[in-house]
Amino acid sequence: MITAFVLIKTDASRIPEAAQEISELAGISEVYSVTGEWDLIAIARVTRHEDLADAIADRLSKVKGVVSTTTQISFRAYSQHDLDAAFSLGFDD
């Protein structure tokens, strides 16, 4: 699983609408509105790098109101919560 954090600047008048549209894109698992330099942070989780390119370059960056993005690709997860979730995929409790 490839995880990427996408830092997003938007037109201020479209933050909620852009966040909602981004959250509905294939490959995007979460979207947060945040304080600071960026307006939104999206978490992309995909199986192939090509899927990451599709999700971010081909879809997310074209959402109305998105001004710019910076993407950080994760090397490794250290959170136990994330590790538990990854190993339980496909299994019912």
N, C-alpha and C. Protein backbone atom coordinates (compact mmCIF):
# COMPACT_ATOMS: atom_id res chain seq x y z
N MET A 1 0.85 -1.17 0.00
CA MET A 1 0.00 0.00 0.00
C MET A 1 0.89 1.23 0.00
N ILE A 2 0.65 2.14 -0.91
CA ILE A 2 1.36 3.41 -0.98
C ILE A 2 0.48 4.46 -0.34
N THR A 3 1.05 5.19 0.62
CA THR A 3 0.33 6.27 1.30
C THR A 3 1.02 7.57 0.99
N ALA A 4 0.23 8.57 0.63
CA ALA A 4 0.78 9.90 0.35
C ALA A 4 -0.08 10.94 1.04
N PHE A 5 0.58 11.99 1.49
CA PHE A 5 -0.08 13.13 2.11
C PHE A 5 -0.02 14.28 1.12
N VAL A 6 -1.19 14.79 0.76
CA VAL A 6 -1.27 15.84 -0.25
C VAL A 6 -1.67 17.14 0.44
N LEU A 7 -0.76 18.11 0.44
CA LEU A 7 -1.02 19.42 1.01
C LEU A 7 -1.63 20.27 -0.08
N ILE A 8 -2.78 20.88 0.22
CA ILE A 8 -3.58 21.52 -0.83
C ILE A 8 -3.90 22.96 -0.48
N LYS A 9 -3.62 23.86 -1.42
CA LYS A 9 -4.07 25.25 -1.30
C LYS A 9 -5.28 25.40 -2.21
N THR A 10 -6.33 26.06 -1.69
CA THR A 10 -7.55 26.24 -2.47
C THR A 10 -7.96 27.69 -2.49
N ASP A 11 -8.87 27.99 -3.39
CA ASP A 11 -9.56 29.27 -3.36
C ASP A 11 -10.36 29.28 -2.05
N ALA A 12 -10.18 30.29 -1.22
CA ALA A 12 -10.80 30.33 0.11
C ALA A 12 -12.32 30.19 0.06
N SER A 13 -12.92 30.63 -1.01
CA SER A 13 -14.39 30.56 -1.11
C SER A 13 -14.89 29.16 -1.43
N ARG A 14 -13.97 28.23 -1.76
CA ARG A 14 -14.38 26.87 -2.15
C ARG A 14 -13.81 25.78 -1.26
N ILE A 15 -13.31 26.13 -0.10
CA ILE A 15 -12.68 25.11 0.75
C ILE A 15 -13.64 23.95 1.04
N PRO A 16 -14.85 24.19 1.57
CA PRO A 16 -15.73 23.05 1.88
C PRO A 16 -16.11 22.23 0.64
N GLU A 17 -16.41 22.90 -0.45
CA GLU A 17 -16.82 22.20 -1.67
C GLU A 17 -15.66 21.39 -2.26
N ALA A 18 -14.46 22.00 -2.27
CA ALA A 18 -13.29 21.29 -2.78
C ALA A 18 -12.98 20.07 -1.91
N ALA A 19 -13.08 20.25 -0.59
CA ALA A 19 -12.82 19.13 0.33
C ALA A 19 -13.78 17.98 0.07
N GLN A 20 -15.04 18.30 -0.12
CA GLN A 20 -16.04 17.26 -0.36
C GLN A 20 -15.77 16.54 -1.68
N GLU A 21 -15.48 17.30 -2.73
CA GLU A 21 -15.19 16.69 -4.03
C GLU A 21 -13.94 15.81 -3.97
N ILE A 22 -12.91 16.28 -3.28
CA ILE A 22 -11.67 15.52 -3.16
C ILE A 22 -11.92 14.23 -2.39
N SER A 23 -12.73 14.31 -1.33
CA SER A 23 -13.00 13.12 -0.51
C SER A 23 -13.71 12.02 -1.28
N GLU A 24 -14.36 12.37 -2.37
CA GLU A 24 -15.10 11.40 -3.17
C GLU A 24 -14.26 10.77 -4.29
N LEU A 25 -13.02 11.22 -4.45
CA LEU A 25 -12.16 10.71 -5.51
C LEU A 25 -11.62 9.32 -5.16
N ALA A 26 -11.52 8.47 -6.16
CA ALA A 26 -10.91 7.15 -5.98
C ALA A 26 -9.46 7.34 -5.55
N GLY A 27 -9.07 6.60 -4.53
CA GLY A 27 -7.69 6.68 -4.04
C GLY A 27 -7.50 7.64 -2.88
N ILE A 28 -8.48 8.48 -2.61
CA ILE A 28 -8.39 9.41 -1.49
C ILE A 28 -9.18 8.82 -0.32
N SER A 29 -8.49 8.60 0.80
CA SER A 29 -9.16 7.98 1.95
C SER A 29 -9.66 8.98 2.97
N GLU A 30 -8.99 10.13 3.08
CA GLU A 30 -9.37 11.13 4.08
C GLU A 30 -9.01 12.51 3.58
N VAL A 31 -9.78 13.51 4.03
CA VAL A 31 -9.47 14.91 3.74
C VAL A 31 -9.72 15.70 5.02
N TYR A 32 -8.76 16.55 5.37
CA TYR A 32 -8.87 17.38 6.57
C TYR A 32 -8.71 18.85 6.22
N SER A 33 -9.52 19.71 6.82
CA SER A 33 -9.25 21.14 6.74
C SER A 33 -8.32 21.45 7.91
N VAL A 34 -7.33 22.28 7.66
CA VAL A 34 -6.28 22.51 8.65
C VAL A 34 -5.93 23.99 8.76
N THR A 35 -5.25 24.33 9.84
CA THR A 35 -4.74 25.69 10.01
C THR A 35 -3.36 25.78 9.38
N GLY A 36 -2.89 26.99 9.19
CA GLY A 36 -1.54 27.19 8.70
C GLY A 36 -1.48 27.52 7.23
N GLU A 37 -0.36 27.18 6.64
CA GLU A 37 -0.07 27.55 5.25
C GLU A 37 -0.99 26.86 4.25
N TRP A 38 -1.46 25.67 4.58
CA TRP A 38 -2.29 24.88 3.67
C TRP A 38 -3.74 24.93 4.11
N ASP A 39 -4.65 24.74 3.17
CA ASP A 39 -6.09 24.76 3.47
C ASP A 39 -6.62 23.36 3.79
N LEU A 40 -6.11 22.37 3.05
CA LEU A 40 -6.57 21.00 3.19
C LEU A 40 -5.38 20.05 3.16
N ILE A 41 -5.53 18.91 3.83
CA ILE A 41 -4.58 17.82 3.67
C ILE A 41 -5.40 16.58 3.34
N ALA A 42 -5.04 15.94 2.23
CA ALA A 42 -5.70 14.70 1.81
C ALA A 42 -4.73 13.55 2.00
N ILE A 43 -5.27 12.40 2.36
CA ILE A 43 -4.46 11.19 2.46
C ILE A 43 -4.89 10.27 1.32
N ALA A 44 -3.92 9.94 0.49
CA ALA A 44 -4.16 9.03 -0.62
C ALA A 44 -3.57 7.67 -0.25
N ARG A 45 -4.34 6.62 -0.49
CA ARG A 45 -3.87 5.25 -0.26
C ARG A 45 -4.18 4.44 -1.52
N VAL A 46 -3.13 4.00 -2.18
CA VAL A 46 -3.28 3.27 -3.44
C VAL A 46 -2.31 2.09 -3.47
N THR A 47 -2.50 1.21 -4.42
CA THR A 47 -1.62 0.05 -4.51
C THR A 47 -0.44 0.23 -5.46
N ARG A 48 -0.58 1.14 -6.43
CA ARG A 48 0.49 1.32 -7.42
C ARG A 48 0.79 2.81 -7.57
N HIS A 49 2.03 3.12 -7.93
CA HIS A 49 2.41 4.51 -8.16
C HIS A 49 1.58 5.13 -9.29
N GLU A 50 1.22 4.32 -10.28
CA GLU A 50 0.40 4.83 -11.37
C GLU A 50 -0.96 5.29 -10.86
N ASP A 51 -1.49 4.59 -9.85
CA ASP A 51 -2.77 4.98 -9.25
C ASP A 51 -2.63 6.30 -8.51
N LEU A 52 -1.46 6.53 -7.91
CA LEU A 52 -1.21 7.79 -7.23
C LEU A 52 -1.20 8.94 -8.23
N ALA A 53 -0.57 8.72 -9.36
CA ALA A 53 -0.56 9.74 -10.42
C ALA A 53 -1.97 10.03 -10.90
N ASP A 54 -2.78 8.99 -11.07
CA ASP A 54 -4.17 9.18 -11.49
C ASP A 54 -4.96 9.98 -10.45
N ALA A 55 -4.82 9.61 -9.18
CA ALA A 55 -5.59 10.24 -8.11
C ALA A 55 -5.21 11.70 -7.92
N ILE A 56 -3.92 12.00 -7.97
CA ILE A 56 -3.48 13.36 -7.65
C ILE A 56 -3.35 14.23 -8.90
N ALA A 57 -2.53 13.81 -9.84
CA ALA A 57 -2.28 14.65 -11.02
C ALA A 57 -3.48 14.72 -11.96
N ASP A 58 -4.17 13.60 -12.13
CA ASP A 58 -5.26 13.57 -13.10
C ASP A 58 -6.61 13.98 -12.54
N ARG A 59 -6.83 13.81 -11.22
CA ARG A 59 -8.15 14.12 -10.67
C ARG A 59 -8.12 15.22 -9.61
N LEU A 60 -7.36 15.03 -8.53
CA LEU A 60 -7.37 15.98 -7.43
C LEU A 60 -6.96 17.39 -7.88
N SER A 61 -5.90 17.47 -8.64
CA SER A 61 -5.41 18.79 -9.06
C SER A 61 -6.37 19.52 -9.98
N LYS A 62 -7.36 18.81 -10.54
CA LYS A 62 -8.32 19.42 -11.45
C LYS A 62 -9.65 19.78 -10.78
N VAL A 63 -9.75 19.53 -9.46
CA VAL A 63 -10.97 19.91 -8.74
C VAL A 63 -11.07 21.43 -8.72
N LYS A 64 -12.26 21.94 -9.01
CA LYS A 64 -12.47 23.39 -9.03
C LYS A 64 -12.12 23.99 -7.68
N GLY A 65 -11.27 25.01 -7.69
CA GLY A 65 -10.85 25.68 -6.47
C GLY A 65 -9.47 25.27 -5.98
N VAL A 66 -8.94 24.15 -6.47
CA VAL A 66 -7.59 23.74 -6.08
C VAL A 66 -6.59 24.63 -6.81
N VAL A 67 -5.75 25.31 -6.04
CA VAL A 67 -4.77 26.24 -6.59
C VAL A 67 -3.41 25.57 -6.76
N SER A 68 -2.98 24.82 -5.74
CA SER A 68 -1.70 24.12 -5.83
C SER A 68 -1.67 22.97 -4.84
N THR A 69 -0.75 22.03 -5.10
CA THR A 69 -0.59 20.88 -4.21
C THR A 69 0.89 20.58 -4.03
N THR A 70 1.21 19.98 -2.91
CA THR A 70 2.53 19.40 -2.66
C THR A 70 2.28 18.02 -2.08
N THR A 71 2.94 17.01 -2.63
CA THR A 71 2.70 15.64 -2.20
C THR A 71 3.92 15.07 -1.51
N GLN A 72 3.67 14.44 -0.36
CA GLN A 72 4.70 13.75 0.41
C GLN A 72 4.35 12.27 0.43
N ILE A 73 5.23 11.42 -0.10
CA ILE A 73 4.98 9.98 -0.12
C ILE A 73 5.61 9.36 1.12
N SER A 74 4.84 8.53 1.79
CA SER A 74 5.27 7.88 3.03
C SER A 74 6.18 6.70 2.72
N PHE A 75 7.24 6.56 3.53
CA PHE A 75 8.12 5.39 3.43
C PHE A 75 7.64 4.27 4.34
N ARG A 76 7.24 4.64 5.58
CA ARG A 76 6.95 3.64 6.59
C ARG A 76 5.97 4.24 7.60
N ALA A 77 5.08 3.40 8.13
CA ALA A 77 4.14 3.83 9.17
C ALA A 77 4.64 3.34 10.52
N TYR A 78 4.62 4.20 11.51
CA TYR A 78 5.05 3.83 12.86
C TYR A 78 3.89 3.79 13.83
N SER A 79 2.74 4.28 13.45
CA SER A 79 1.57 4.29 14.31
C SER A 79 0.99 2.89 14.43
N GLN A 80 0.77 2.42 15.64
CA GLN A 80 0.19 1.10 15.85
C GLN A 80 -1.20 1.02 15.25
N HIS A 81 -1.96 2.11 15.34
CA HIS A 81 -3.31 2.16 14.76
C HIS A 81 -3.25 1.82 13.27
N ASP A 82 -2.33 2.45 12.54
CA ASP A 82 -2.21 2.21 11.11
C ASP A 82 -1.77 0.77 10.83
N LEU A 83 -0.85 0.26 11.64
CA LEU A 83 -0.37 -1.11 11.42
C LEU A 83 -1.47 -2.12 11.69
N ASP A 84 -2.25 -1.92 12.76
CA ASP A 84 -3.35 -2.82 13.05
C ASP A 84 -4.38 -2.82 11.91
N ALA A 85 -4.69 -1.64 11.40
CA ALA A 85 -5.66 -1.53 10.31
C ALA A 85 -5.14 -2.24 9.06
N ALA A 86 -3.88 -2.11 8.76
CA ALA A 86 -3.31 -2.71 7.56
C ALA A 86 -3.36 -4.23 7.64
N PHE A 87 -3.08 -4.79 8.81
CA PHE A 87 -3.06 -6.25 8.94
C PHE A 87 -4.44 -6.86 9.09
N SER A 88 -5.44 -6.03 9.35
CA SER A 88 -6.79 -6.58 9.53
C SER A 88 -7.65 -6.44 8.29
N LEU A 89 -7.11 -5.91 7.21
CA LEU A 89 -7.88 -5.73 5.99
C LEU A 89 -8.42 -7.07 5.51
N GLY A 90 -9.73 -7.11 5.27
CA GLY A 90 -10.34 -8.31 4.74
C GLY A 90 -10.79 -9.30 5.78
N PHE A 91 -10.53 -9.01 7.05
CA PHE A 91 -10.93 -9.92 8.12
C PHE A 91 -12.02 -9.26 8.95
N ASP A 92 -13.05 -10.02 9.28
CA ASP A 92 -14.11 -9.53 10.14
C ASP A 92 -13.77 -9.84 11.58
N ASP A 93 -14.11 -8.88 12.46
CA ASP A 93 -13.88 -9.10 13.90
C ASP A 93 -15.00 -9.89 14.50
